[in-house]
């Protein structure tokens, strides 16, 4: 099971065991996305960087996939991830492995 599948499973558990709280969280994030001040591709690239900053393997996988689905290139995704490394230093650099794993899954 890859990281994206693990994330899907984690979200399914949240929906099953904490539907009220998870539903409120989804409502909040949908409201933010609906503002449309930032194009969705750029939002996904920001979320890639946030995933690296948060050191969340599943977040990285989901948002690399999301960015790619919005037309982001490998180079754009890599640059977004490296911006987090630039801000976070060596601990964030180690999470580039997950970015490359997700890119390999998507782009080969």
N, C-alpha and C. Protein backbone atom coordinates (compact mmCIF):
# COMPACT_ATOMS: atom_id res chain seq x y z
N UNK A 1 0.84 -1.17 0.00
CA UNK A 1 0.00 0.00 0.00
C UNK A 1 0.89 1.24 0.00
N UNK A 2 0.68 2.14 -0.99
CA UNK A 2 1.50 3.36 -1.03
C UNK A 2 0.94 4.41 -0.07
N UNK A 3 1.65 5.52 0.06
CA UNK A 3 1.27 6.55 1.04
C UNK A 3 -0.08 7.18 0.73
N UNK A 4 -0.39 7.32 -0.54
CA UNK A 4 -1.68 7.89 -0.92
C UNK A 4 -2.82 6.97 -0.49
N UNK A 5 -2.63 5.68 -0.66
CA UNK A 5 -3.64 4.70 -0.22
C UNK A 5 -3.76 4.69 1.30
N UNK A 6 -2.61 4.80 1.99
CA UNK A 6 -2.64 4.87 3.46
C UNK A 6 -3.42 6.10 3.92
N UNK A 7 -3.23 7.21 3.23
CA UNK A 7 -3.94 8.44 3.59
C UNK A 7 -5.44 8.26 3.38
N UNK A 8 -5.80 7.64 2.27
CA UNK A 8 -7.22 7.38 2.02
C UNK A 8 -7.83 6.52 3.11
N UNK A 9 -7.08 5.53 3.55
CA UNK A 9 -7.55 4.66 4.62
C UNK A 9 -7.70 5.44 5.93
N UNK A 10 -6.74 6.30 6.23
CA UNK A 10 -6.81 7.12 7.45
C UNK A 10 -8.03 8.03 7.41
N UNK A 11 -8.30 8.64 6.25
CA UNK A 11 -9.45 9.52 6.12
C UNK A 11 -10.76 8.73 6.25
N UNK A 12 -10.78 7.52 5.73
CA UNK A 12 -11.96 6.66 5.87
C UNK A 12 -12.23 6.34 7.34
N UNK A 13 -11.17 6.07 8.09
CA UNK A 13 -11.33 5.80 9.52
C UNK A 13 -11.89 7.04 10.24
N UNK A 14 -11.35 8.21 9.89
CA UNK A 14 -11.86 9.44 10.50
C UNK A 14 -13.35 9.61 10.21
N UNK A 15 -13.72 9.38 8.96
CA UNK A 15 -15.11 9.52 8.57
C UNK A 15 -16.01 8.52 9.30
N UNK A 16 -15.49 7.32 9.52
CA UNK A 16 -16.27 6.27 10.19
C UNK A 16 -16.39 6.53 11.69
N UNK A 17 -15.26 6.86 12.33
CA UNK A 17 -15.24 6.94 13.79
C UNK A 17 -15.46 8.35 14.35
N UNK A 18 -15.25 9.37 13.55
CA UNK A 18 -15.46 10.75 14.00
C UNK A 18 -16.12 11.56 12.88
N UNK A 19 -17.28 11.12 12.42
CA UNK A 19 -17.89 11.77 11.26
C UNK A 19 -18.24 13.24 11.49
N UNK A 20 -18.67 13.59 12.69
CA UNK A 20 -19.02 14.99 12.97
C UNK A 20 -17.80 15.89 12.88
N UNK A 21 -16.74 15.52 13.58
CA UNK A 21 -15.53 16.33 13.60
C UNK A 21 -14.87 16.37 12.22
N UNK A 22 -14.80 15.22 11.58
CA UNK A 22 -14.20 15.16 10.24
C UNK A 22 -15.03 15.96 9.25
N UNK A 23 -16.34 15.88 9.37
CA UNK A 23 -17.22 16.66 8.49
C UNK A 23 -17.00 18.15 8.64
N UNK A 24 -16.84 18.61 9.88
CA UNK A 24 -16.59 20.04 10.13
C UNK A 24 -15.24 20.46 9.55
N UNK A 25 -14.25 19.58 9.70
CA UNK A 25 -12.93 19.87 9.12
C UNK A 25 -13.04 19.99 7.60
N UNK A 26 -13.73 19.06 6.95
CA UNK A 26 -13.90 19.11 5.50
C UNK A 26 -14.64 20.37 5.07
N UNK A 27 -15.66 20.74 5.84
CA UNK A 27 -16.42 21.96 5.54
C UNK A 27 -15.50 23.18 5.58
N UNK A 28 -14.66 23.25 6.60
CA UNK A 28 -13.72 24.36 6.74
C UNK A 28 -12.76 24.42 5.56
N UNK A 29 -12.16 23.29 5.21
CA UNK A 29 -11.18 23.30 4.12
C UNK A 29 -11.85 23.60 2.77
N UNK A 30 -13.08 23.16 2.58
CA UNK A 30 -13.81 23.47 1.34
C UNK A 30 -14.11 24.96 1.25
N UNK A 31 -14.44 25.59 2.39
CA UNK A 31 -14.67 27.03 2.40
C UNK A 31 -13.40 27.79 2.02
N UNK A 32 -12.28 27.34 2.52
CA UNK A 32 -11.01 27.99 2.17
C UNK A 32 -10.71 27.85 0.68
N UNK A 33 -10.90 26.66 0.15
CA UNK A 33 -10.64 26.42 -1.27
C UNK A 33 -11.58 27.22 -2.15
N UNK A 34 -12.80 27.45 -1.69
CA UNK A 34 -13.80 28.16 -2.48
C UNK A 34 -13.52 29.66 -2.60
N UNK A 35 -12.60 30.17 -1.83
CA UNK A 35 -12.28 31.60 -1.91
C UNK A 35 -11.76 31.98 -3.29
N UNK A 36 -11.11 31.04 -3.96
CA UNK A 36 -10.60 31.23 -5.33
C UNK A 36 -9.61 32.38 -5.49
N UNK A 37 -9.01 32.84 -4.41
CA UNK A 37 -7.99 33.88 -4.53
C UNK A 37 -6.70 33.31 -5.11
N UNK A 38 -6.46 32.03 -4.88
CA UNK A 38 -5.26 31.35 -5.39
C UNK A 38 -5.75 30.20 -6.27
N UNK A 39 -5.24 30.09 -7.49
CA UNK A 39 -5.65 28.98 -8.36
C UNK A 39 -5.37 27.63 -7.70
N UNK A 40 -6.23 26.65 -7.99
CA UNK A 40 -6.15 25.35 -7.32
C UNK A 40 -4.81 24.65 -7.51
N UNK A 41 -4.19 24.78 -8.67
CA UNK A 41 -2.87 24.16 -8.88
C UNK A 41 -1.86 24.75 -7.88
N UNK A 42 -1.87 26.06 -7.72
CA UNK A 42 -0.94 26.69 -6.78
C UNK A 42 -1.26 26.28 -5.35
N UNK A 43 -2.56 26.13 -5.02
CA UNK A 43 -2.91 25.67 -3.67
C UNK A 43 -2.33 24.29 -3.40
N UNK A 44 -2.42 23.41 -4.38
CA UNK A 44 -1.86 22.06 -4.19
C UNK A 44 -0.34 22.11 -4.04
N UNK A 45 0.32 23.00 -4.78
CA UNK A 45 1.77 23.14 -4.62
C UNK A 45 2.11 23.67 -3.23
N UNK A 46 1.32 24.61 -2.74
CA UNK A 46 1.52 25.10 -1.37
C UNK A 46 1.34 23.95 -0.38
N UNK A 47 0.34 23.12 -0.64
CA UNK A 47 0.08 22.00 0.27
C UNK A 47 1.21 20.95 0.21
N UNK A 48 1.84 20.80 -0.94
CA UNK A 48 3.03 19.93 -1.01
C UNK A 48 4.08 20.47 -0.04
N UNK A 49 4.34 21.78 -0.13
CA UNK A 49 5.34 22.39 0.77
C UNK A 49 4.92 22.25 2.22
N UNK A 50 3.63 22.43 2.50
CA UNK A 50 3.14 22.27 3.88
C UNK A 50 3.31 20.83 4.35
N UNK A 51 3.10 19.87 3.47
CA UNK A 51 3.29 18.47 3.83
C UNK A 51 4.73 18.18 4.21
N UNK A 52 5.67 18.76 3.45
CA UNK A 52 7.09 18.59 3.78
C UNK A 52 7.40 19.28 5.11
N UNK A 53 6.89 20.51 5.28
CA UNK A 53 7.14 21.24 6.54
C UNK A 53 6.57 20.49 7.73
N UNK A 54 5.42 19.85 7.54
CA UNK A 54 4.78 19.12 8.63
C UNK A 54 5.36 17.72 8.82
N UNK A 55 6.22 17.32 7.90
CA UNK A 55 6.82 16.00 7.92
C UNK A 55 5.74 14.91 7.94
N UNK A 56 4.77 15.07 7.03
CA UNK A 56 3.64 14.15 6.94
C UNK A 56 3.70 13.40 5.61
N UNK A 57 4.13 12.16 5.66
CA UNK A 57 4.29 11.34 4.46
C UNK A 57 2.98 11.23 3.69
N UNK A 58 1.88 11.00 4.39
CA UNK A 58 0.59 10.85 3.71
C UNK A 58 0.13 12.16 3.08
N UNK A 59 0.37 13.28 3.75
CA UNK A 59 0.02 14.59 3.19
C UNK A 59 0.81 14.85 1.92
N UNK A 60 2.09 14.52 1.95
CA UNK A 60 2.94 14.70 0.77
C UNK A 60 2.36 13.91 -0.39
N UNK A 61 2.06 12.65 -0.17
CA UNK A 61 1.55 11.80 -1.25
C UNK A 61 0.24 12.34 -1.82
N UNK A 62 -0.68 12.73 -0.94
CA UNK A 62 -1.98 13.24 -1.40
C UNK A 62 -1.82 14.52 -2.20
N UNK A 63 -0.97 15.42 -1.74
CA UNK A 63 -0.87 16.72 -2.40
C UNK A 63 0.05 16.70 -3.63
N UNK A 64 1.02 15.79 -3.68
CA UNK A 64 1.76 15.59 -4.93
C UNK A 64 0.77 15.09 -5.98
N UNK A 65 -0.07 14.13 -5.59
CA UNK A 65 -1.08 13.61 -6.51
C UNK A 65 -2.06 14.71 -6.92
N UNK A 66 -2.48 15.51 -5.95
CA UNK A 66 -3.40 16.61 -6.25
C UNK A 66 -2.80 17.64 -7.17
N UNK A 67 -1.54 18.00 -6.93
CA UNK A 67 -0.87 18.97 -7.80
C UNK A 67 -0.73 18.43 -9.21
N UNK A 68 -0.34 17.16 -9.32
CA UNK A 68 -0.20 16.55 -10.64
C UNK A 68 -1.53 16.52 -11.37
N UNK A 69 -2.61 16.24 -10.64
CA UNK A 69 -3.93 16.18 -11.27
C UNK A 69 -4.39 17.56 -11.75
N UNK A 70 -3.82 18.61 -11.19
CA UNK A 70 -4.13 19.98 -11.61
C UNK A 70 -3.18 20.47 -12.70
N UNK A 71 -2.28 19.57 -13.16
CA UNK A 71 -1.39 19.92 -14.25
C UNK A 71 0.01 20.35 -13.84
N UNK A 72 0.33 20.25 -12.56
CA UNK A 72 1.68 20.61 -12.12
C UNK A 72 2.69 19.60 -12.66
N UNK A 73 3.84 20.09 -13.03
CA UNK A 73 4.91 19.24 -13.54
C UNK A 73 5.74 18.70 -12.39
N UNK A 74 6.57 17.72 -12.69
CA UNK A 74 7.50 17.20 -11.69
C UNK A 74 8.38 18.33 -11.16
N UNK A 75 8.81 19.19 -12.08
CA UNK A 75 9.71 20.29 -11.70
C UNK A 75 9.01 21.28 -10.77
N UNK A 76 7.75 21.60 -11.03
CA UNK A 76 7.01 22.51 -10.16
C UNK A 76 6.81 21.90 -8.78
N UNK A 77 6.47 20.63 -8.74
CA UNK A 77 6.25 19.94 -7.46
C UNK A 77 7.55 19.87 -6.67
N UNK A 78 8.63 19.55 -7.36
CA UNK A 78 9.93 19.48 -6.70
C UNK A 78 10.34 20.84 -6.15
N UNK A 79 10.13 21.89 -6.93
CA UNK A 79 10.48 23.24 -6.46
C UNK A 79 9.66 23.61 -5.23
N UNK A 80 8.36 23.33 -5.25
CA UNK A 80 7.52 23.63 -4.09
C UNK A 80 8.05 22.90 -2.85
N UNK A 81 8.39 21.64 -3.01
CA UNK A 81 8.91 20.86 -1.88
C UNK A 81 10.23 21.41 -1.38
N UNK A 82 11.10 21.80 -2.30
CA UNK A 82 12.40 22.34 -1.90
C UNK A 82 12.27 23.71 -1.23
N UNK A 83 11.20 24.44 -1.50
CA UNK A 83 10.99 25.70 -0.78
C UNK A 83 10.78 25.42 0.70
N UNK A 84 10.08 24.33 1.00
CA UNK A 84 9.90 23.93 2.40
C UNK A 84 11.24 23.54 3.01
N UNK A 85 12.06 22.84 2.24
CA UNK A 85 13.39 22.46 2.73
C UNK A 85 14.21 23.71 3.02
N UNK A 86 14.12 24.71 2.14
CA UNK A 86 14.87 25.95 2.33
C UNK A 86 14.46 26.64 3.63
N UNK A 87 13.18 26.56 3.97
CA UNK A 87 12.69 27.19 5.18
C UNK A 87 12.90 26.32 6.42
N UNK A 88 12.94 24.99 6.25
CA UNK A 88 12.96 24.10 7.40
C UNK A 88 14.27 23.38 7.67
N UNK A 89 15.19 23.42 6.70
CA UNK A 89 16.49 22.82 6.92
C UNK A 89 16.54 21.31 6.76
N UNK A 90 17.57 20.73 7.35
CA UNK A 90 17.88 19.31 7.17
C UNK A 90 16.75 18.36 7.52
N UNK A 91 16.00 18.57 8.61
CA UNK A 91 14.91 17.63 8.88
C UNK A 91 13.91 17.56 7.74
N UNK A 92 13.66 18.67 7.09
CA UNK A 92 12.72 18.69 5.97
C UNK A 92 13.34 18.04 4.73
N UNK A 93 14.63 18.16 4.59
CA UNK A 93 15.33 17.55 3.46
C UNK A 93 15.10 16.05 3.43
N UNK A 94 15.05 15.43 4.59
CA UNK A 94 14.84 13.99 4.66
C UNK A 94 13.48 13.58 4.09
N UNK A 95 12.51 14.48 4.13
CA UNK A 95 11.17 14.18 3.62
C UNK A 95 11.06 14.32 2.11
N UNK A 96 12.10 14.78 1.47
CA UNK A 96 12.11 14.81 0.00
C UNK A 96 12.01 13.40 -0.56
N UNK A 97 12.45 12.41 0.21
CA UNK A 97 12.31 11.01 -0.21
C UNK A 97 10.87 10.70 -0.54
N UNK A 98 9.94 11.17 0.28
CA UNK A 98 8.52 10.89 0.07
C UNK A 98 7.98 11.64 -1.16
N UNK A 99 8.51 12.82 -1.41
CA UNK A 99 8.12 13.56 -2.62
C UNK A 99 8.55 12.76 -3.84
N UNK A 100 9.79 12.30 -3.84
CA UNK A 100 10.28 11.53 -4.98
C UNK A 100 9.54 10.20 -5.14
N UNK A 101 9.20 9.56 -4.03
CA UNK A 101 8.41 8.32 -4.11
C UNK A 101 7.05 8.58 -4.77
N UNK A 102 6.39 9.65 -4.34
CA UNK A 102 5.07 9.98 -4.91
C UNK A 102 5.20 10.36 -6.38
N UNK A 103 6.23 11.10 -6.73
CA UNK A 103 6.44 11.47 -8.13
C UNK A 103 6.72 10.23 -8.98
N UNK A 104 7.49 9.31 -8.43
CA UNK A 104 7.78 8.06 -9.15
C UNK A 104 6.49 7.27 -9.39
N UNK A 105 5.62 7.23 -8.38
CA UNK A 105 4.34 6.54 -8.53
C UNK A 105 3.50 7.16 -9.65
N UNK A 106 3.54 8.48 -9.76
CA UNK A 106 2.70 9.18 -10.73
C UNK A 106 3.31 9.31 -12.12
N UNK A 107 4.59 9.65 -12.16
CA UNK A 107 5.23 9.98 -13.44
C UNK A 107 6.16 8.87 -13.95
N UNK A 108 6.46 7.90 -13.10
CA UNK A 108 7.36 6.82 -13.51
C UNK A 108 8.81 7.17 -13.48
